[in-house]
Each structure stands twice: as C-alpha cells, then as structure tokens.
C-alpha cells in the first residue's frame, strides 16, 4: 500500500489567452521540481486563463495541451491534472484532465458553470463525477465553482483526497478559504485548493491562497498569497484511516443519489 502521497502545487500567474507562453512557463516550473512527487496540480484553464472565448482557444480531445500534459507526466513520473478548453461534438467544455505517467488518463467536465461570468453561455456542463484510483489512493478532482455546492462533492466513503483547481477571484477569497475548510471537515478528507495569482484579461485579481488541509480542516500548508510558488507536500493514508475509524461520522451520513 502507498501510505504516503506527495503532491506538488503550482500557484502561478497565467498569461491571458497565450497558450504557448503559459506552457513554456509551466515546463520551466515543472523541470525545477527538485524532489520526487506523485501528483502535479495546475490551475483551472491553466493554459489560457478563465476565458470566455472557447471558439478561439478550444482544442480537440487529443490536442496539443493534452499532449503536453502527457509528456510532462511521463517525464516527472507523476500524474498531472489541470483543466483545458475542449471542443467535442460541436460543444465546448471546461475539461479537467487527469494524466498518469503511463499515458492513462481520465476526464471530468465542470459540473457547475459560473453564471456570474456567463460561463454557461459558452460551455456545456458535465454530468458525471470522477474518482481516480491512483497509487492506492481514491482521489476526487473538481473545478472552482463546484466548491460552492457541497452535495456534488459529498464523500460517500468513496474518496480519500479532494482536489479543487480554480481561477477564484481575490474579492471572494474569504469564501474560498472558508468553503475549503468546510469541505475538508464534512467529508473527512484531505483537501487541496489550488488557485492562480495575478490579474486576468478582465482585470480580475487573484490572490492564490492555495492550501492543503487535513481531514479535520486544519492547514497542513498554506501558500503565501499573491506569490508564484511551487511546493511539494506529503499526506498519509494511514493517518486518514485512523481518524475515520476513531471518528466514524461518515457512517451516519444521509444516503442519496444525484440525478
């Protein structure tokens, strides 16, 4: 059993709608990771920023950004995840890719589209959740606005690690930090929130405030806001299971189905 899982968070500025420049930046940052890691986490729409121009920047499911993710995963012997603008069957998706070193990948299309920015006018929402089994861990990746909807992310004793990738504005960073802690506590799960920094093309500022929380919502690592940071942290599956055995709140949860 892989008790220890190492997670690398890349909190960074995203150059607005410049795929080539962003991929070059990420390549350099990933190359400089000086220790072994199991997962490399990139922000939402990491190659473009939170763009409402999918007709200009969408790629096909096997496009160049996805190919770059596969190459990066193989080179670092680590899973890489982040979301990409994808066109499939004449529809656009804010699609999270989970790409493993051996080339195996999973996908998750953002369920909750951010109506305040008109995301639902440009993109199609996903209907299926994703839980990845990787190195003996069960991992649930989600995207930004999903954080506000606890039923969708509810742990039915089917995952150990919850990951949110985001372009979450600094103006609402109190909600970001508070909701991440709530999700960790209510789901008794390690929880990662990885957010970008810097202004986007609409002048919206992002503070990052990326964090790794334990199963009690206690910060194991909180990245300094407004700074570009690449940092790697370790979490323990045995510690999680010990806590869930001692405090088996999950056994009393409501049974439900999402339709």
Protein backbone atom coordinates (compact mmCIF):
# COMPACT_ATOMS: atom_id res chain seq x y z
CA UNK A 1 0.00 0.00 0.00
CA UNK A 2 1.24 3.52 -0.82
CA UNK A 3 0.75 5.18 2.54
CA UNK A 4 2.47 8.45 1.64
CA UNK A 5 1.33 10.55 -1.30
CA UNK A 6 3.36 13.57 -2.40
CA UNK A 7 1.50 16.47 -4.02
CA UNK A 8 3.09 19.41 -5.85
CA UNK A 9 1.06 22.63 -6.10
CA UNK A 10 1.89 25.17 -8.79
CA UNK A 11 0.43 28.53 -7.78
CA UNK A 12 1.26 30.90 -10.61
CA UNK A 13 0.31 33.81 -12.82
CA UNK A 14 -1.47 32.79 -16.04
CA UNK A 15 -0.66 34.87 -19.13
CA UNK A 16 -4.01 35.85 -20.59
CA UNK A 17 -5.03 33.70 -23.57
CA UNK A 18 -1.44 32.83 -24.54
CA UNK A 19 -1.15 29.06 -24.69
CA UNK A 20 2.42 28.90 -25.97
CA UNK A 21 3.79 31.24 -23.32
CA UNK A 22 1.92 29.51 -20.49
CA UNK A 23 3.09 26.05 -21.48
CA UNK A 24 6.66 27.37 -21.60
CA UNK A 25 6.26 28.79 -18.09
CA UNK A 26 4.82 25.53 -16.71
CA UNK A 27 7.54 23.48 -18.39
CA UNK A 28 10.22 25.50 -16.60
CA UNK A 29 8.43 25.31 -13.26
CA UNK A 30 7.90 21.56 -13.53
CA UNK A 31 11.52 20.99 -14.59
CA UNK A 32 12.64 22.74 -11.40
CA UNK A 33 10.71 20.44 -9.06
CA UNK A 34 13.67 19.16 -7.10
CA UNK A 35 12.18 16.08 -5.46
CA UNK A 36 10.05 13.12 -6.40
CA UNK A 37 6.32 13.69 -6.42
CA UNK A 38 3.17 11.72 -7.18
CA UNK A 39 0.79 14.45 -8.37
CA UNK A 40 1.37 17.85 -10.00
CA UNK A 41 -1.63 20.18 -9.69
CA UNK A 42 -2.21 23.02 -12.18
CA UNK A 43 -4.96 25.68 -12.05
CA UNK A 44 -8.28 25.80 -13.88
CA UNK A 45 -7.80 26.67 -17.58
CA UNK A 46 -4.08 26.79 -16.88
CA UNK A 47 -3.07 27.44 -20.49
CA UNK A 48 -5.39 30.38 -21.19
CA UNK A 49 -6.86 31.82 -18.02
CA UNK A 50 -10.62 31.76 -17.41
CA UNK A 51 -11.51 32.66 -20.99
CA UNK A 52 -14.99 33.01 -22.44
CA UNK A 53 -13.56 32.67 -25.96
CA UNK A 54 -13.75 28.90 -26.47
CA UNK A 55 -14.28 29.25 -30.21
CA UNK A 56 -10.76 30.71 -30.42
CA UNK A 57 -8.88 28.58 -27.89
CA UNK A 58 -10.64 25.20 -27.73
CA UNK A 59 -8.71 22.14 -28.77
CA UNK A 60 -9.88 18.67 -29.71
CA UNK A 61 -9.71 15.97 -27.00
CA UNK A 62 -6.24 14.87 -28.19
CA UNK A 63 -4.93 18.40 -28.75
CA UNK A 64 -1.51 19.95 -28.06
CA UNK A 65 -2.19 21.00 -24.45
CA UNK A 66 -3.30 17.47 -23.59
CA UNK A 67 -0.21 16.11 -25.37
CA UNK A 68 1.96 18.44 -23.29
CA UNK A 69 0.32 17.09 -20.13
CA UNK A 70 1.10 13.52 -21.20
CA UNK A 71 4.72 14.42 -21.88
CA UNK A 72 5.09 16.22 -18.55
CA UNK A 73 3.56 13.32 -16.62
CA UNK A 74 5.91 10.83 -18.27
CA UNK A 75 8.99 12.99 -17.69
CA UNK A 76 8.28 13.53 -13.98
CA UNK A 77 6.78 10.08 -13.30
CA UNK A 78 3.81 11.87 -11.72
CA UNK A 79 0.15 12.41 -12.52
CA UNK A 80 -0.61 15.87 -13.89
CA UNK A 81 -4.03 17.49 -13.58
CA UNK A 82 -5.49 20.78 -14.75
CA UNK A 83 -8.37 21.95 -16.90
CA UNK A 84 -8.39 22.79 -20.60
CA UNK A 85 -10.87 24.33 -23.05
CA UNK A 86 -12.04 21.42 -25.22
CA UNK A 87 -14.35 21.13 -28.22
CA UNK A 88 -16.14 17.82 -28.67
CA UNK A 89 -19.23 17.04 -30.75
CA UNK A 90 -19.68 20.75 -31.53
CA UNK A 91 -19.79 21.68 -27.84
CA UNK A 92 -17.25 23.38 -25.59
CA UNK A 93 -16.22 22.06 -22.20
CA UNK A 94 -14.12 23.26 -19.27
CA UNK A 95 -12.49 19.85 -19.01
CA UNK A 96 -10.21 18.61 -16.27
CA UNK A 97 -7.68 16.03 -17.41
CA UNK A 98 -6.02 13.61 -15.03
CA UNK A 99 -2.98 12.25 -16.88
CA UNK A 100 -0.77 9.49 -15.44
CA UNK A 101 2.88 8.74 -16.25
CA UNK A 102 1.97 5.65 -18.31
CA UNK A 103 -0.34 7.73 -20.54
CA UNK A 104 -3.58 6.57 -18.93
CA UNK A 105 -5.93 9.48 -18.42
CA UNK A 106 -9.35 10.36 -17.01
CA UNK A 107 -11.51 13.40 -17.65
CA UNK A 108 -14.06 15.46 -15.77
CA UNK A 109 -16.21 18.20 -17.32
CA UNK A 110 -17.00 21.02 -14.91
CA UNK A 111 -20.45 20.44 -13.45
CA UNK A 112 -21.25 23.91 -12.08
CA UNK A 113 -20.70 26.66 -14.63
CA UNK A 114 -20.07 30.13 -13.25
CA UNK A 115 -23.13 32.11 -14.32
CA UNK A 116 -21.80 35.36 -12.84
CA UNK A 117 -19.24 35.36 -15.67
CA UNK A 118 -21.61 33.85 -18.25
CA UNK A 119 -19.74 30.55 -18.39
CA UNK A 120 -22.96 28.65 -19.09
CA UNK A 121 -23.46 30.70 -22.28
CA UNK A 122 -20.24 29.33 -23.76
CA UNK A 123 -19.70 25.92 -22.21
CA UNK A 124 -21.68 22.74 -21.64
CA UNK A 125 -21.78 21.37 -18.09
CA UNK A 126 -20.66 17.87 -17.25
CA UNK A 127 -22.99 15.30 -15.70
CA UNK A 128 -20.58 12.68 -14.36
CA UNK A 129 -18.31 12.71 -11.33
CA UNK A 130 -14.78 11.37 -11.41
CA UNK A 131 -12.99 9.36 -8.74
CA UNK A 132 -9.49 8.25 -9.69
CA UNK A 133 -7.74 5.24 -8.16
CA UNK A 134 -4.04 6.05 -8.13
CA UNK A 135 -1.21 4.54 -6.09
CA UNK A 136 -3.73 3.06 -3.60
CA UNK A 137 -5.48 6.42 -3.12
CA UNK A 138 -9.01 7.38 -4.16
CA UNK A 139 -8.98 10.94 -5.48
CA UNK A 140 -11.88 13.26 -6.36
CA UNK A 141 -10.88 16.22 -8.60
CA UNK A 142 -13.27 19.17 -9.07
CA UNK A 143 -13.19 22.66 -10.60
CA UNK A 144 -13.55 26.07 -8.95
CA UNK A 145 -17.28 26.93 -8.70
CA UNK A 146 -18.01 23.29 -7.77
CA UNK A 147 -16.68 24.27 -4.34
CA UNK A 148 -19.91 26.12 -3.52
CA UNK A 149 -22.08 23.01 -3.96
CA UNK A 150 -21.44 20.51 -1.15
CA UNK A 151 -23.89 17.85 -2.33
CA UNK A 152 -21.91 17.35 -5.56
CA UNK A 153 -18.65 16.86 -3.68
CA UNK A 154 -20.11 14.82 -0.80
CA UNK A 155 -17.90 11.94 0.25
CA UNK A 156 -19.92 8.72 0.36
CA UNK A 157 -16.87 6.93 1.75
CA UNK A 158 -15.58 6.69 -1.82
CA UNK A 159 -12.56 9.00 -1.79
CA UNK A 160 -9.57 9.96 0.37
CA UNK A 161 -8.39 13.18 -1.28
CA UNK A 162 -10.45 16.07 -2.65
CA UNK A 163 -8.78 18.47 -5.11
CA UNK A 164 -10.21 21.78 -6.35
CA UNK A 165 -8.43 23.68 -9.13
CA UNK A 166 -9.52 27.26 -9.64
CA UNK A 167 -9.43 30.79 -11.01
CA UNK A 168 -11.05 32.16 -7.85
CA UNK A 169 -11.09 35.98 -7.53
CA UNK A 170 -9.33 37.67 -4.62
CA UNK A 171 -12.54 39.65 -3.98
CA UNK A 172 -14.15 36.45 -2.67
CA UNK A 173 -11.12 34.79 -1.09
CA UNK A 174 -12.87 34.60 2.29
CA UNK A 175 -15.43 32.26 0.72
CA UNK A 176 -12.65 30.26 -0.96
CA UNK A 177 -10.78 29.69 2.30
CA UNK A 178 -13.91 29.06 4.38
CA UNK A 179 -15.54 26.62 1.96
CA UNK A 180 -12.37 24.59 1.50
CA UNK A 181 -12.20 24.05 5.27
CA UNK A 182 -15.88 23.14 5.36
CA UNK A 183 -15.45 20.57 2.57
CA UNK A 184 -12.47 19.00 4.36
CA UNK A 185 -14.32 18.75 7.68
CA UNK A 186 -17.66 17.49 6.40
CA UNK A 187 -16.06 14.93 4.09
CA UNK A 188 -13.29 13.81 6.49
CA UNK A 189 -10.90 14.04 3.59
CA UNK A 190 -7.59 15.63 2.78
CA UNK A 191 -8.46 18.66 0.66
CA UNK A 192 -6.35 20.65 -1.80
CA UNK A 193 -7.36 24.04 -3.19
CA UNK A 194 -5.04 25.22 -5.97
CA UNK A 195 -5.70 28.73 -7.25
CA UNK A 196 -3.88 31.07 -9.64
CA UNK A 197 -2.42 34.50 -8.84
CA UNK A 198 -2.34 37.77 -10.79
CA UNK A 199 -4.80 39.75 -12.90
CA UNK A 200 -6.63 38.15 -15.81
CA UNK A 201 -7.58 39.83 -19.09
CA UNK A 202 -10.70 41.29 -17.49
CA UNK A 203 -8.73 42.99 -14.73
CA UNK A 204 -9.84 40.47 -12.09
CA UNK A 205 -7.22 39.97 -9.38
CA UNK A 206 -6.46 36.51 -7.96
CA UNK A 207 -4.68 36.03 -4.65
CA UNK A 208 -3.94 32.32 -4.87
CA UNK A 209 -4.47 31.35 -1.23
CA UNK A 210 -3.74 27.78 -2.26
CA UNK A 211 -3.86 25.30 0.59
CA UNK A 212 -3.53 21.69 1.69
CA UNK A 213 -5.88 20.78 4.54
CA UNK A 214 -6.08 17.62 6.58
CA UNK A 215 -9.26 15.64 7.31
CA UNK A 216 -10.10 17.97 10.19
CA UNK A 217 -9.83 21.11 8.06
CA UNK A 218 -6.52 22.06 9.66
CA UNK A 219 -3.99 23.65 7.34
CA UNK A 220 -1.00 21.43 6.66
CA UNK A 221 0.33 24.03 4.24
CA UNK A 222 -0.99 27.42 3.17
CA UNK A 223 0.86 29.06 0.30
CA UNK A 224 1.64 32.74 0.63
CA UNK A 225 -0.97 34.79 -1.26
CA UNK A 226 -0.13 36.79 -4.40
CA UNK A 227 3.14 34.88 -4.86
CA UNK A 228 4.21 32.42 -7.55
CA UNK A 229 5.11 29.27 -5.64
CA UNK A 230 5.88 25.65 -6.47
CA UNK A 231 5.73 23.48 -3.35
CA UNK A 232 5.53 19.76 -2.59
CA UNK A 233 3.83 18.22 0.45
CA UNK A 234 3.15 14.73 1.80
CA UNK A 235 -0.02 13.18 3.19
CA UNK A 236 -0.59 9.84 4.93
CA UNK A 237 -3.37 7.39 4.14
CA UNK A 238 -2.91 5.50 7.42
CA UNK A 239 -3.44 8.70 9.42
CA UNK A 240 -6.61 9.40 7.48
CA UNK A 241 -7.94 5.88 8.06
CA UNK A 242 -7.10 6.03 11.76
CA UNK A 243 -9.07 9.25 12.09
CA UNK A 244 -12.06 7.84 10.20
CA UNK A 245 -12.06 4.74 12.38
CA UNK A 246 -11.93 6.78 15.56
CA UNK A 247 -14.45 9.40 14.43
CA UNK A 248 -16.76 7.46 12.11
CA UNK A 249 -19.11 10.35 11.37
CA UNK A 250 -19.38 9.18 7.74
CA UNK A 251 -21.39 6.14 8.89
CA UNK A 252 -24.25 8.43 9.93
CA UNK A 253 -24.44 10.37 6.66
CA UNK A 254 -27.62 10.52 4.58
CA UNK A 255 -27.97 8.19 1.62
CA UNK A 256 -28.84 9.96 -1.61
CA UNK A 257 -28.48 9.88 -5.37
CA UNK A 258 -27.86 12.82 -7.71
CA UNK A 259 -29.93 12.76 -10.87
